[in-house]
PDB file of N, CA and C in Angstrom:
ATOM      1  N   UNK A   1       0.844  -1.175  -0.014  1.00  0.00           N
ATOM      2  CA  UNK A   1       0.014   0.000  -0.002  1.00  0.00           C
ATOM      3  C   UNK A   1       0.889   1.244   0.005  1.00  0.00           C
ATOM      4  N   UNK A   2       0.446   2.249  -0.728  1.00  0.00           N
ATOM      5  CA  UNK A   2       1.127   3.539  -0.798  1.00  0.00           C
ATOM      6  C   UNK A   2       0.449   4.505   0.143  1.00  0.00           C
ATOM      7  N   UNK A   3       1.221   5.444   0.645  1.00  0.00           N
ATOM      8  CA  UNK A   3       0.671   6.495   1.517  1.00  0.00           C
ATOM      9  C   UNK A   3       0.466   7.744   0.710  1.00  0.00           C
ATOM     10  N   UNK A   4      -0.618   8.494   1.052  1.00  0.00           N
ATOM     11  CA  UNK A   4      -0.964   9.732   0.336  1.00  0.00           C
ATOM     12  C   UNK A   4      -1.263  10.837   1.356  1.00  0.00           C
ATOM     13  N   UNK A   5      -0.690  11.997   1.057  1.00  0.00           N
ATOM     14  CA  UNK A   5      -1.009  13.212   1.835  1.00  0.00           C
ATOM     15  C   UNK A   5      -2.208  13.863   1.175  1.00  0.00           C
ATOM     16  N   UNK A   6      -3.255  14.078   1.944  1.00  0.00           N
ATOM     17  CA  UNK A   6      -4.462  14.734   1.491  1.00  0.00           C
ATOM     18  C   UNK A   6      -4.454  16.149   2.047  1.00  0.00           C
ATOM     19  N   UNK A   7      -4.491  17.130   1.174  1.00  0.00           N
ATOM     20  CA  UNK A   7      -4.425  18.545   1.584  1.00  0.00           C
ATOM     21  C   UNK A   7      -5.784  19.198   1.254  1.00  0.00           C
ATOM     22  N   UNK A   8      -6.405  19.744   2.276  1.00  0.00           N
ATOM     23  CA  UNK A   8      -7.711  20.377   2.130  1.00  0.00           C
ATOM     24  C   UNK A   8      -7.509  21.877   1.910  1.00  0.00           C
ATOM     25  N   UNK A   9      -8.157  22.424   0.877  1.00  0.00           N
ATOM     26  CA  UNK A   9      -8.067  23.849   0.579  1.00  0.00           C
ATOM     27  C   UNK A   9      -9.420  24.501   0.770  1.00  0.00           C
ATOM     28  N   UNK A  10      -9.422  25.690   1.399  1.00  0.00           N
ATOM     29  CA  UNK A  10     -10.627  26.491   1.559  1.00  0.00           C
ATOM     30  C   UNK A  10     -10.159  27.925   1.788  1.00  0.00           C
ATOM     31  N   UNK A  11     -10.951  28.911   1.366  1.00  0.00           N
ATOM     32  CA  UNK A  11     -10.551  30.304   1.614  1.00  0.00           C
ATOM     33  C   UNK A  11     -10.494  30.583   3.114  1.00  0.00           C
ATOM     34  N   UNK A  12      -9.655  31.515   3.509  1.00  0.00           N
ATOM     35  CA  UNK A  12      -9.547  31.914   4.919  1.00  0.00           C
ATOM     36  C   UNK A  12     -10.906  32.342   5.479  1.00  0.00           C
ATOM     37  N   UNK A  13     -11.709  32.973   4.672  1.00  0.00           N
ATOM     38  CA  UNK A  13     -13.042  33.387   5.126  1.00  0.00           C
ATOM     39  C   UNK A  13     -13.900  32.189   5.508  1.00  0.00           C
ATOM     40  N   UNK A  14     -13.684  31.068   4.832  1.00  0.00           N
ATOM     41  CA  UNK A  14     -14.452  29.873   5.177  1.00  0.00           C
ATOM     42  C   UNK A  14     -13.999  29.318   6.521  1.00  0.00           C
ATOM     43  N   UNK A  15     -12.725  29.378   6.826  1.00  0.00           N
ATOM     44  CA  UNK A  15     -12.236  28.937   8.138  1.00  0.00           C
ATOM     45  C   UNK A  15     -12.827  29.802   9.238  1.00  0.00           C
ATOM     46  N   UNK A  16     -12.938  31.109   8.989  1.00  0.00           N
ATOM     47  CA  UNK A  16     -13.548  31.998   9.967  1.00  0.00           C
ATOM     48  C   UNK A  16     -14.998  31.647  10.189  1.00  0.00           C
ATOM     49  N   UNK A  17     -15.686  31.289   9.098  1.00  0.00           N
ATOM     50  CA  UNK A  17     -17.081  30.874   9.182  1.00  0.00           C
ATOM     51  C   UNK A  17     -17.203  29.616  10.049  1.00  0.00           C
ATOM     52  N   UNK A  18     -16.310  28.667   9.824  1.00  0.00           N
ATOM     53  CA  UNK A  18     -16.316  27.428  10.618  1.00  0.00           C
ATOM     54  C   UNK A  18     -16.076  27.719  12.099  1.00  0.00           C
ATOM     55  N   UNK A  19     -15.140  28.610  12.383  1.00  0.00           N
ATOM     56  CA  UNK A  19     -14.826  28.966  13.752  1.00  0.00           C
ATOM     57  C   UNK A  19     -16.013  29.576  14.479  1.00  0.00           C
ATOM     58  N   UNK A  20     -16.900  30.254  13.733  1.00  0.00           N
ATOM     59  CA  UNK A  20     -18.074  30.901  14.323  1.00  0.00           C
ATOM     60  C   UNK A  20     -19.314  30.025  14.405  1.00  0.00           C
ATOM     61  N   UNK A  21     -19.185  28.770  14.011  1.00  0.00           N
ATOM     62  CA  UNK A  21     -20.359  27.853  14.054  1.00  0.00           C
ATOM     63  C   UNK A  21     -20.775  27.560  15.478  1.00  0.00           C
ATOM     64  N   UNK A  22     -22.072  27.339  15.650  1.00  0.00           N
ATOM     65  CA  UNK A  22     -22.596  26.902  16.940  1.00  0.00           C
ATOM     66  C   UNK A  22     -22.153  25.432  17.144  1.00  0.00           C
ATOM     67  N   UNK A  23     -22.043  25.002  18.387  1.00  0.00           N
ATOM     68  CA  UNK A  23     -21.581  23.636  18.659  1.00  0.00           C
ATOM     69  C   UNK A  23     -22.410  22.561  17.928  1.00  0.00           C
ATOM     70  N   UNK A  24     -23.719  22.742  17.854  1.00  0.00           N
ATOM     71  CA  UNK A  24     -24.540  21.741  17.175  1.00  0.00           C
ATOM     72  C   UNK A  24     -24.266  21.717  15.664  1.00  0.00           C
ATOM     73  N   UNK A  25     -23.979  22.896  15.063  1.00  0.00           N
ATOM     74  CA  UNK A  25     -23.615  22.945  13.654  1.00  0.00           C
ATOM     75  C   UNK A  25     -22.265  22.229  13.400  1.00  0.00           C
ATOM     76  N   UNK A  26     -21.305  22.530  14.282  1.00  0.00           N
ATOM     77  CA  UNK A  26     -19.990  21.887  14.161  1.00  0.00           C
ATOM     78  C   UNK A  26     -20.101  20.374  14.347  1.00  0.00           C
ATOM     79  N   UNK A  27     -20.920  19.927  15.314  1.00  0.00           N
ATOM     80  CA  UNK A  27     -21.093  18.497  15.512  1.00  0.00           C
ATOM     81  C   UNK A  27     -21.707  17.825  14.291  1.00  0.00           C
ATOM     82  N   UNK A  28     -22.655  18.509  13.622  1.00  0.00           N
ATOM     83  CA  UNK A  28     -23.264  17.962  12.413  1.00  0.00           C
ATOM     84  C   UNK A  28     -22.225  17.812  11.305  1.00  0.00           C
ATOM     85  N   UNK A  29     -21.359  18.835  11.140  1.00  0.00           N
ATOM     86  CA  UNK A  29     -20.307  18.739  10.106  1.00  0.00           C
ATOM     87  C   UNK A  29     -19.301  17.639  10.425  1.00  0.00           C
ATOM     88  N   UNK A  30     -18.906  17.556  11.704  1.00  0.00           N
ATOM     89  CA  UNK A  30     -17.954  16.508  12.084  1.00  0.00           C
ATOM     90  C   UNK A  30     -18.577  15.104  11.951  1.00  0.00           C
ATOM     91  N   UNK A  31     -19.868  15.028  12.127  1.00  0.00           N
ATOM     92  CA  UNK A  31     -20.573  13.758  11.928  1.00  0.00           C
ATOM     93  C   UNK A  31     -20.415  13.263  10.503  1.00  0.00           C
ATOM     94  N   UNK A  32     -20.454  14.157   9.548  1.00  0.00           N
ATOM     95  CA  UNK A  32     -20.279  13.787   8.128  1.00  0.00           C
ATOM     96  C   UNK A  32     -18.869  13.252   7.900  1.00  0.00           C
ATOM     97  N   UNK A  33     -17.887  13.889   8.544  1.00  0.00           N
ATOM     98  CA  UNK A  33     -16.494  13.426   8.401  1.00  0.00           C
ATOM     99  C   UNK A  33     -16.345  12.037   9.037  1.00  0.00           C
ATOM    100  N   UNK A  34     -16.992  11.818  10.193  1.00  0.00           N
ATOM    101  CA  UNK A  34     -16.900  10.503  10.852  1.00  0.00           C
ATOM    102  C   UNK A  34     -17.472   9.401   9.958  1.00  0.00           C
ATOM    103  N   UNK A  35     -18.597   9.697   9.320  1.00  0.00           N
ATOM    104  CA  UNK A  35     -19.210   8.716   8.398  1.00  0.00           C
ATOM    105  C   UNK A  35     -18.236   8.382   7.252  1.00  0.00           C
ATOM    106  N   UNK A  36     -17.627   9.451   6.656  1.00  0.00           N
ATOM    107  CA  UNK A  36     -16.671   9.220   5.598  1.00  0.00           C
ATOM    108  C   UNK A  36     -15.491   8.364   6.050  1.00  0.00           C
ATOM    109  N   UNK A  37     -14.972   8.674   7.256  1.00  0.00           N
ATOM    110  CA  UNK A  37     -13.835   7.902   7.784  1.00  0.00           C
ATOM    111  C   UNK A  37     -14.236   6.437   8.013  1.00  0.00           C
ATOM    112  N   UNK A  38     -15.440   6.217   8.493  1.00  0.00           N
ATOM    113  CA  UNK A  38     -15.913   4.829   8.671  1.00  0.00           C
ATOM    114  C   UNK A  38     -15.992   4.126   7.327  1.00  0.00           C
ATOM    115  N   UNK A  39     -16.452   4.875   6.311  1.00  0.00           N
ATOM    116  CA  UNK A  39     -16.597   4.274   4.954  1.00  0.00           C
ATOM    117  C   UNK A  39     -15.238   3.853   4.383  1.00  0.00           C
ATOM    118  N   UNK A  40     -14.178   4.606   4.635  1.00  0.00           N
ATOM    119  CA  UNK A  40     -12.885   4.238   4.035  1.00  0.00           C
ATOM    120  C   UNK A  40     -12.087   3.291   4.952  1.00  0.00           C
ATOM    121  N   UNK A  41     -12.547   3.141   6.194  1.00  0.00           N
ATOM    122  CA  UNK A  41     -11.959   2.136   7.096  1.00  0.00           C
ATOM    123  C   UNK A  41     -10.457   2.254   7.292  1.00  0.00           C
ATOM    124  N   UNK A  42      -9.760   1.142   7.070  1.00  0.00           N
ATOM    125  CA  UNK A  42      -8.292   1.076   7.315  1.00  0.00           C
ATOM    126  C   UNK A  42      -7.478   1.944   6.369  1.00  0.00           C
ATOM    127  N   UNK A  43      -8.105   2.516   5.354  1.00  0.00           N
ATOM    128  CA  UNK A  43      -7.350   3.399   4.458  1.00  0.00           C
ATOM    129  C   UNK A  43      -6.970   4.713   5.167  1.00  0.00           C
ATOM    130  N   UNK A  44      -7.674   5.053   6.242  1.00  0.00           N
ATOM    131  CA  UNK A  44      -7.359   6.250   7.006  1.00  0.00           C
ATOM    132  C   UNK A  44      -6.170   5.962   7.933  1.00  0.00           C
ATOM    133  N   UNK A  45      -5.086   6.628   7.695  1.00  0.00           N
ATOM    134  CA  UNK A  45      -3.890   6.474   8.532  1.00  0.00           C
ATOM    135  C   UNK A  45      -3.835   7.520   9.622  1.00  0.00           C
ATOM    136  N   UNK A  46      -4.194   8.760   9.272  1.00  0.00           N
ATOM    137  CA  UNK A  46      -4.131   9.881  10.218  1.00  0.00           C
ATOM    138  C   UNK A  46      -5.172  10.893   9.796  1.00  0.00           C
ATOM    139  N   UNK A  47      -6.165  11.148  10.633  1.00  0.00           N
ATOM    140  CA  UNK A  47      -7.193  12.130  10.381  1.00  0.00           C
ATOM    141  C   UNK A  47      -6.593  13.514  10.127  1.00  0.00           C
ATOM    142  N   UNK A  48      -5.481  13.791  10.764  1.00  0.00           N
ATOM    143  CA  UNK A  48      -4.844  15.106  10.613  1.00  0.00           C
ATOM    144  C   UNK A  48      -5.502  16.127  11.502  1.00  0.00           C
ATOM    145  N   UNK A  49      -5.357  17.407  11.099  1.00  0.00           N
ATOM    146  CA  UNK A  49      -5.872  18.529  11.874  1.00  0.00           C
ATOM    147  C   UNK A  49      -6.221  19.657  10.960  1.00  0.00           C
ATOM    148  N   UNK A  50      -7.089  20.576  11.443  1.00  0.00           N
ATOM    149  CA  UNK A  50      -7.287  21.815  10.737  1.00  0.00           C
ATOM    150  C   UNK A  50      -6.004  22.647  10.786  1.00  0.00           C
ATOM    151  N   UNK A  51      -5.809  23.482   9.782  1.00  0.00           N
ATOM    152  CA  UNK A  51      -4.642  24.356   9.729  1.00  0.00           C
ATOM    153  C   UNK A  51      -5.122  25.782   9.524  1.00  0.00           C
ATOM    154  N   UNK A  52      -4.456  26.718  10.184  1.00  0.00           N
ATOM    155  CA  UNK A  52      -4.806  28.136  10.070  1.00  0.00           C
ATOM    156  C   UNK A  52      -3.534  28.934   9.815  1.00  0.00           C
ATOM    157  N   UNK A  53      -3.710  30.025   9.094  1.00  0.00           N
ATOM    158  CA  UNK A  53      -2.560  30.883   8.823  1.00  0.00           C
ATOM    159  C   UNK A  53      -1.508  30.154   8.007  1.00  0.00           C
ATOM    160  N   UNK A  54      -0.308  30.520   8.189  1.00  0.00           N
ATOM    161  CA  UNK A  54       0.794  29.842   7.481  1.00  0.00           C
ATOM    162  C   UNK A  54       1.819  30.856   7.039  1.00  0.00           C
ATOM    163  N   UNK A  55       3.027  30.397   6.932  1.00  0.00           N
ATOM    164  CA  UNK A  55       4.139  31.219   6.485  1.00  0.00           C
ATOM    165  C   UNK A  55       4.886  30.524   5.363  1.00  0.00           C
ATOM    166  N   UNK A  56       5.297  31.305   4.387  1.00  0.00           N
ATOM    167  CA  UNK A  56       6.182  30.831   3.343  1.00  0.00           C
ATOM    168  C   UNK A  56       7.594  31.244   3.757  1.00  0.00           C
ATOM    169  N   UNK A  57       8.477  30.265   3.904  1.00  0.00           N
ATOM    170  CA  UNK A  57       9.829  30.527   4.353  1.00  0.00           C
ATOM    171  C   UNK A  57      10.784  30.317   3.189  1.00  0.00           C
ATOM    172  N   UNK A  58      11.574  31.352   2.881  1.00  0.00           N
ATOM    173  CA  UNK A  58      12.561  31.277   1.824  1.00  0.00           C
ATOM    174  C   UNK A  58      13.905  31.743   2.378  1.00  0.00           C
ATOM    175  N   UNK A  59      14.927  31.490   1.635  1.00  0.00           N
ATOM    176  CA  UNK A  59      16.263  31.957   2.008  1.00  0.00           C
ATOM    177  C   UNK A  59      16.267  33.462   2.223  1.00  0.00           C
ATOM    178  N   UNK A  60      15.464  34.173   1.420  1.00  0.00           N
ATOM    179  CA  UNK A  60      15.421  35.648   1.500  1.00  0.00           C
ATOM    180  C   UNK A  60      14.519  36.153   2.619  1.00  0.00           C
ATOM    181  N   UNK A  61      13.821  35.267   3.308  1.00  0.00           N
ATOM    182  CA  UNK A  61      12.950  35.673   4.397  1.00  0.00           C
ATOM    183  C   UNK A  61      11.599  34.951   4.362  1.00  0.00           C
ATOM    184  N   UNK A  62      10.710  35.356   5.204  1.00  0.00           N
ATOM    185  CA  UNK A  62       9.385  34.707   5.230  1.00  0.00           C
ATOM    186  C   UNK A  62       8.274  35.734   5.101  1.00  0.00           C
ATOM    187  N   UNK A  63       7.082  35.238   4.684  1.00  0.00           N
ATOM    188  CA  UNK A  63       5.930  36.082   4.541  1.00  0.00           C
ATOM    189  C   UNK A  63       4.688  35.211   4.746  1.00  0.00           C
ATOM    190  N   UNK A  64       3.540  35.854   4.930  1.00  0.00           N
ATOM    191  CA  UNK A  64       2.281  35.115   5.064  1.00  0.00           C
ATOM    192  C   UNK A  64       2.062  34.289   3.799  1.00  0.00           C
ATOM    193  N   UNK A  65       1.620  33.053   3.979  1.00  0.00           N
ATOM    194  CA  UNK A  65       1.360  32.183   2.842  1.00  0.00           C
ATOM    195  C   UNK A  65       0.149  32.646   2.087  1.00  0.00           C
ATOM    196  N   UNK A  66       0.248  32.595   0.766  1.00  0.00           N
ATOM    197  CA  UNK A  66      -0.896  32.945  -0.103  1.00  0.00           C
ATOM    198  C   UNK A  66      -1.766  31.730  -0.364  1.00  0.00           C
ATOM    199  N   UNK A  67      -1.316  30.549   0.016  1.00  0.00           N
ATOM    200  CA  UNK A  67      -2.090  29.307  -0.218  1.00  0.00           C
ATOM    201  C   UNK A  67      -3.181  29.183   0.833  1.00  0.00           C
ATOM    202  N   UNK A  68      -4.273  28.657   0.415  1.00  0.00           N
ATOM    203  CA  UNK A  68      -5.419  28.522   1.311  1.00  0.00           C
ATOM    204  C   UNK A  68      -5.562  27.089   1.771  1.00  0.00           C
ATOM    205  N   UNK A  69      -4.590  26.653   2.608  1.00  0.00           N
ATOM    206  CA  UNK A  69      -4.589  25.313   3.152  1.00  0.00           C
ATOM    207  C   UNK A  69      -5.341  25.285   4.447  1.00  0.00           C
ATOM    208  N   UNK A  70      -6.349  24.429   4.538  1.00  0.00           N
ATOM    209  CA  UNK A  70      -7.207  24.426   5.749  1.00  0.00           C
ATOM    210  C   UNK A  70      -7.077  23.154   6.565  1.00  0.00           C
ATOM    211  N   UNK A  71      -6.317  22.139   6.072  1.00  0.00           N
ATOM    212  CA  UNK A  71      -6.150  20.937   6.861  1.00  0.00           C
ATOM    213  C   UNK A  71      -5.426  19.856   6.053  1.00  0.00           C
ATOM    214  N   UNK A  72      -5.215  18.718   6.702  1.00  0.00           N
ATOM    215  CA  UNK A  72      -4.554  17.603   6.013  1.00  0.00           C
ATOM    216  C   UNK A  72      -5.019  16.292   6.620  1.00  0.00           C
ATOM    217  N   UNK A  73      -4.832  15.223   5.922  1.00  0.00           N
ATOM    218  CA  UNK A  73      -5.007  13.840   6.401  1.00  0.00           C
ATOM    219  C   UNK A  73      -3.969  12.962   5.690  1.00  0.00           C
ATOM    220  N   UNK A  74      -3.767  11.766   6.197  1.00  0.00           N
ATOM    221  CA  UNK A  74      -2.927  10.766   5.528  1.00  0.00           C
ATOM    222  C   UNK A  74      -3.782   9.529   5.301  1.00  0.00           C
ATOM    223  N   UNK A  75      -3.809   9.040   4.065  1.00  0.00           N
ATOM    224  CA  UNK A  75      -4.536   7.827   3.744  1.00  0.00           C
ATOM    225  C   UNK A  75      -3.585   6.833   3.073  1.00  0.00           C
ATOM    226  N   UNK A  76      -4.045   5.620   2.915  1.00  0.00           N
ATOM    227  CA  UNK A  76      -3.264   4.617   2.158  1.00  0.00           C
ATOM    228  C   UNK A  76      -4.178   3.970   1.121  1.00  0.00           C
ATOM    229  N   UNK A  77      -3.566   3.634  -0.012  1.00  0.00           N
ATOM    230  CA  UNK A  77      -4.296   2.998  -1.104  1.00  0.00           C
ATOM    231  C   UNK A  77      -3.296   2.281  -1.992  1.00  0.00           C
ATOM    232  N   UNK A  78      -3.795   1.402  -2.863  1.00  0.00           N
ATOM    233  CA  UNK A  78      -2.935   0.647  -3.775  1.00  0.00           C
ATOM    234  C   UNK A  78      -2.381   1.517  -4.892  1.00  0.00           C
ATOM    235  N   UNK A  79      -3.097   2.611  -5.256  1.00  0.00           N
ATOM    236  CA  UNK A  79      -2.645   3.448  -6.361  1.00  0.00           C
ATOM    237  C   UNK A  79      -3.228   4.828  -6.196  1.00  0.00           C
ATOM    238  N   UNK A  80      -2.728   5.777  -6.994  1.00  0.00           N
ATOM    239  CA  UNK A  80      -3.290   7.139  -6.968  1.00  0.00           C
ATOM    240  C   UNK A  80      -4.773   7.103  -7.368  1.00  0.00           C
ATOM    241  N   UNK A  81      -5.105   6.311  -8.374  1.00  0.00           N
ATOM    242  CA  UNK A  81      -6.497   6.206  -8.773  1.00  0.00           C
ATOM    243  C   UNK A  81      -7.385   5.710  -7.642  1.00  0.00           C
ATOM    244  N   UNK A  82      -6.872   4.734  -6.911  1.00  0.00           N
ATOM    245  CA  UNK A  82      -7.675   4.185  -5.768  1.00  0.00           C
ATOM    246  C   UNK A  82      -7.777   5.240  -4.659  1.00  0.00           C
ATOM    247  N   UNK A  83      -6.713   6.019  -4.458  1.00  0.00           N
ATOM    248  CA  UNK A  83      -6.767   7.092  -3.429  1.00  0.00           C
ATOM    249  C   UNK A  83      -7.780   8.163  -3.834  1.00  0.00           C
ATOM    250  N   UNK A  84      -7.753   8.545  -5.103  1.00  0.00           N
ATOM    251  CA  UNK A  84      -8.725   9.535  -5.593  1.00  0.00           C
ATOM    252  C   UNK A  84     -10.134   9.030  -5.418  1.00  0.00           C
ATOM    253  N   UNK A  85     -10.340   7.741  -5.663  1.00  0.00           N
ATOM    254  CA  UNK A  85     -11.665   7.163  -5.525  1.00  0.00           C
ATOM    255  C   UNK A  85     -12.166   7.252  -4.084  1.00  0.00           C
ATOM    256  N   UNK A  86     -11.231   7.067  -3.115  1.00  0.00           N
ATOM    257  CA  UNK A  86     -11.596   7.192  -1.695  1.00  0.00           C
ATOM    258  C   UNK A  86     -12.113   8.570  -1.346  1.00  0.00           C
ATOM    259  N   UNK A  87     -11.636   9.574  -2.098  1.00  0.00           N
ATOM    260  CA  UNK A  87     -12.014  10.966  -1.804  1.00  0.00           C
ATOM    261  C   UNK A  87     -13.289  11.412  -2.473  1.00  0.00           C
ATOM    262  N   UNK A  88     -13.855  10.577  -3.346  1.00  0.00           N
ATOM    263  CA  UNK A  88     -15.123  10.938  -3.963  1.00  0.00           C
ATOM    264  C   UNK A  88     -16.210  10.996  -2.892  1.00  0.00           C
ATOM    265  N   UNK A  89     -16.998  12.045  -2.894  1.00  0.00           N
ATOM    266  CA  UNK A  89     -18.027  12.192  -1.884  1.00  0.00           C
ATOM    267  C   UNK A  89     -17.522  12.677  -0.553  1.00  0.00           C
ATOM    268  N   UNK A  90     -16.269  13.138  -0.494  1.00  0.00           N
ATOM    269  CA  UNK A  90     -15.700  13.629   0.775  1.00  0.00           C
ATOM    270  C   UNK A  90     -16.514  14.832   1.252  1.00  0.00           C
ATOM    271  N   UNK A  91     -16.825  14.915   2.563  1.00  0.00           N
ATOM    272  CA  UNK A  91     -17.644  16.032   3.054  1.00  0.00           C
ATOM    273  C   UNK A  91     -16.977  17.398   2.868  1.00  0.00           C
ATOM    274  N   UNK A  92     -15.673  17.472   2.780  1.00  0.00           N
ATOM    275  CA  UNK A  92     -15.016  18.761   2.562  1.00  0.00           C
ATOM    276  C   UNK A  92     -15.487  19.382   1.234  1.00  0.00           C
ATOM    277  N   UNK A  93     -15.700  18.528   0.256  1.00  0.00           N
ATOM    278  CA  UNK A  93     -16.147  19.022  -1.081  1.00  0.00           C
ATOM    279  C   UNK A  93     -17.578  19.519  -1.068  1.00  0.00           C
ATOM    280  N   UNK A  94     -18.350  19.098  -0.108  1.00  0.00           N
ATOM    281  CA  UNK A  94     -19.762  19.493   0.007  1.00  0.00           C
ATOM    282  C   UNK A  94     -19.939  20.769   0.822  1.00  0.00           C
ATOM    283  N   UNK A  95     -18.903  21.210   1.490  1.00  0.00           N
ATOM    284  CA  UNK A  95     -19.031  22.325   2.410  1.00  0.00           C
ATOM    285  C   UNK A  95     -19.244  23.664   1.705  1.00  0.00           C
ATOM    286  N   UNK A  96     -18.579  23.818   0.541  1.00  0.00           N
ATOM    287  CA  UNK A  96     -18.637  25.076  -0.155  1.00  0.00           C
ATOM    288  C   UNK A  96     -18.027  24.863  -1.537  1.00  0.00           C
ATOM    289  N   UNK A  97     -18.511  25.560  -2.560  1.00  0.00           N
ATOM    290  CA  UNK A  97     -17.955  25.356  -3.916  1.00  0.00           C
ATOM    291  C   UNK A  97     -16.502  25.748  -4.027  1.00  0.00           C
ATOM    292  N   UNK A  98     -16.017  26.570  -3.102  1.00  0.00           N
ATOM    293  CA  UNK A  98     -14.613  27.009  -3.168  1.00  0.00           C
ATOM    294  C   UNK A  98     -13.671  25.996  -2.522  1.00  0.00           C
ATOM    295  N   UNK A  99     -14.208  24.980  -1.880  1.00  0.00           N
ATOM    296  CA  UNK A  99     -13.388  23.963  -1.201  1.00  0.00           C
ATOM    297  C   UNK A  99     -12.871  22.933  -2.211  1.00  0.00           C
ATOM    298  N   UNK A 100     -11.622  22.526  -2.057  1.00  0.00           N
ATOM    299  CA  UNK A 100     -11.064  21.504  -2.927  1.00  0.00           C
ATOM    300  C   UNK A 100     -10.098  20.644  -2.116  1.00  0.00           C
ATOM    301  N   UNK A 101      -9.707  19.518  -2.741  1.00  0.00           N
ATOM    302  CA  UNK A 101      -8.792  18.593  -2.104  1.00  0.00           C
ATOM    303  C   UNK A 101      -7.642  18.328  -3.073  1.00  0.00           C
ATOM    304  N   UNK A 102      -6.438  18.331  -2.538  1.00  0.00           N
ATOM    305  CA  UNK A 102      -5.248  18.003  -3.334  1.00  0.00           C
ATOM    306  C   UNK A 102      -4.650  16.731  -2.700  1.00  0.00           C
ATOM    307  N   UNK A 103      -4.086  15.862  -3.536  1.00  0.00           N
ATOM    308  CA  UNK A 103      -3.520  14.622  -3.010  1.00  0.00           C
ATOM    309  C   UNK A 103      -2.141  14.376  -3.623  1.00  0.00           C
ATOM    310  N   UNK A 104      -1.218  13.933  -2.753  1.00  0.00           N
ATOM    311  CA  UNK A 104       0.155  13.671  -3.209  1.00  0.00           C
ATOM    312  C   UNK A 104       0.620  12.335  -2.628  1.00  0.00           C
ATOM    313  N   UNK A 105       1.282  11.526  -3.461  1.00  0.00           N
ATOM    314  CA  UNK A 105       1.847  10.271  -2.955  1.00  0.00           C
ATOM    315  C   UNK A 105       3.089  10.588  -2.122  1.00  0.00           C
ATOM    316  N   UNK A 106       3.169   9.947  -1.001  1.00  0.00           N
ATOM    317  CA  UNK A 106       4.330  10.101  -0.092  1.00  0.00           C
ATOM    318  C   UNK A 106       5.314   8.989  -0.390  1.00  0.00           C
ATOM    319  N   UNK A 107       6.414   9.332  -0.999  1.00  0.00           N
ATOM    320  CA  UNK A 107       7.447   8.352  -1.353  1.00  0.00           C
ATOM    321  C   UNK A 107       8.351   8.125  -0.142  1.00  0.00           C
ATOM    322  N   UNK A 108       8.833   6.896   0.034  1.00  0.00           N
ATOM    323  CA  UNK A 108       9.769   6.634   1.139  1.00  0.00           C
ATOM    324  C   UNK A 108      11.064   7.437   0.912  1.00  0.00           C
ATOM    325  N   UNK A 109      11.642   7.899   1.996  1.00  0.00           N
ATOM    326  CA  UNK A 109      12.923   8.622   1.891  1.00  0.00           C
ATOM    327  C   UNK A 109      14.004   7.635   1.480  1.00  0.00           C
ATOM    328  N   UNK A 110      14.989   8.106   0.722  1.00  0.00           N
ATOM    329  CA  UNK A 110      16.080   7.210   0.309  1.00  0.00           C
ATOM    330  C   UNK A 110      16.712   6.532   1.531  1.00  0.00           C
ATOM    331  N   UNK A 111      16.950   5.252   1.387  1.00  0.00           N
ATOM    332  CA  UNK A 111      17.570   4.504   2.465  1.00  0.00           C
ATOM    333  C   UNK A 111      16.623   3.955   3.513  1.00  0.00           C
ATOM    334  N   UNK A 112      15.331   4.215   3.350  1.00  0.00           N
ATOM    335  CA  UNK A 112      14.360   3.691   4.329  1.00  0.00           C
ATOM    336  C   UNK A 112      13.585   2.552   3.792  1.00  0.00           C
TER     337      UNK A 112
END
């Protein structure tokens, strides 16, 4: 099985909206994520966490990140196609039309 980094994208304004949700609204949203995680079963390696803010660090200095990364997860699948299939119907995609998911295969480090 291969490992995949799942990166959730949403505008910063959407994260602010989520932070202002009532507890019952947040519980309803998290319930959708729990159902999705149950559906993919052992393919879920790490649920991850929400992410806020961010910095781009370069040799010349750092600045606020322009990327709208709102969270991450780690999953496993036999192939990229199989990993993409696991993400079909993901609740993040239903939250807002501006939300998207990016996926990258995690290759083992040389010598490991």
